[in-house]
Amino acid sequence: SALDLSWYLDSDDDQRNKRLAARHMQFGRSEDQAWEWIESVDRPNAELIAATRARADVVTTVHLR
């Protein structure tokens, strides 16, 4: 294996998406564009990564503010 140790950082989906939307809007996307990007790019990426959770050596929860 190329990794000695892998971590999975779990977070609340709604909080993560709200933060992503705010960041997308901060960098020039409209609110609609931000949510479209989240649905078409960010959410599928999160689902892909979530499918690897069971393979992580360490799983921890991140509480977003």
Protein backbone atom coordinates (compact mmCIF):
# COMPACT_ATOMS: atom_id res chain seq x y z
CA SER A 1 0.00 0.00 0.00
CA ALA A 2 1.13 3.54 -0.70
CA LEU A 3 -0.30 4.78 2.60
CA ASP A 4 0.85 3.92 6.09
CA LEU A 5 -2.27 5.34 7.72
CA SER A 6 -5.52 6.74 6.35
CA TRP A 7 -8.00 9.00 8.09
CA TYR A 8 -11.63 9.64 7.22
CA LEU A 9 -13.06 12.96 8.40
CA ASP A 10 -16.81 12.68 8.78
CA SER A 11 -18.94 15.82 8.83
CA ASP A 12 -22.57 16.84 8.70
CA ASP A 13 -23.64 16.93 5.01
CA ASP A 14 -25.94 19.94 5.43
CA GLN A 15 -23.32 22.02 7.22
CA ARG A 16 -20.67 21.08 4.68
CA ASN A 17 -22.94 22.02 1.77
CA LYS A 18 -23.88 25.36 3.35
CA ARG A 19 -20.20 26.19 3.77
CA LEU A 20 -19.46 25.12 0.21
CA ALA A 21 -22.29 27.31 -1.10
CA ALA A 22 -20.99 30.30 0.85
CA ARG A 23 -17.48 29.75 -0.49
CA HIS A 24 -18.70 29.38 -4.09
CA MET A 25 -20.68 32.62 -3.75
CA GLN A 26 -17.71 34.38 -2.17
CA PHE A 27 -15.73 33.60 -5.32
CA GLY A 28 -18.36 34.91 -7.74
CA ARG A 29 -21.05 32.30 -8.31
CA SER A 30 -24.68 33.19 -7.80
CA GLU A 31 -26.60 31.22 -5.18
CA ASP A 32 -28.24 29.12 -7.91
CA GLN A 33 -24.89 28.47 -9.57
CA ALA A 34 -23.36 27.52 -6.24
CA TRP A 35 -26.05 24.94 -5.47
CA GLU A 36 -25.94 23.61 -9.03
CA TRP A 37 -22.19 23.06 -8.66
CA ILE A 38 -22.67 21.37 -5.29
CA GLU A 39 -25.25 18.98 -6.77
CA SER A 40 -23.27 18.21 -9.92
CA VAL A 41 -19.69 18.17 -8.59
CA ASP A 42 -19.25 18.47 -4.82
CA ARG A 43 -21.97 16.02 -3.73
CA PRO A 44 -20.87 13.24 -6.16
CA ASN A 45 -17.28 13.69 -4.96
CA ALA A 46 -18.40 13.46 -1.32
CA GLU A 47 -20.34 10.28 -2.10
CA LEU A 48 -17.31 8.76 -3.81
CA ILE A 49 -15.13 9.53 -0.80
CA ALA A 50 -17.81 8.31 1.66
CA ALA A 51 -17.73 4.92 -0.06
CA THR A 52 -14.13 4.51 1.17
CA ARG A 53 -14.95 5.19 4.84
CA ALA A 54 -14.77 1.52 5.85
CA ARG A 55 -11.18 1.28 4.56
CA ALA A 56 -9.89 4.10 6.79
CA ASP A 57 -7.66 3.27 9.72
CA VAL A 58 -9.10 6.15 11.74
CA VAL A 59 -12.57 7.71 11.48
CA THR A 60 -13.29 10.94 13.28
CA THR A 61 -16.12 13.44 13.19
CA VAL A 62 -15.45 17.07 12.36
CA HIS A 63 -17.95 19.57 13.78
CA LEU A 64 -18.21 22.48 11.37
CA ARG A 65 -19.13 25.91 12.65
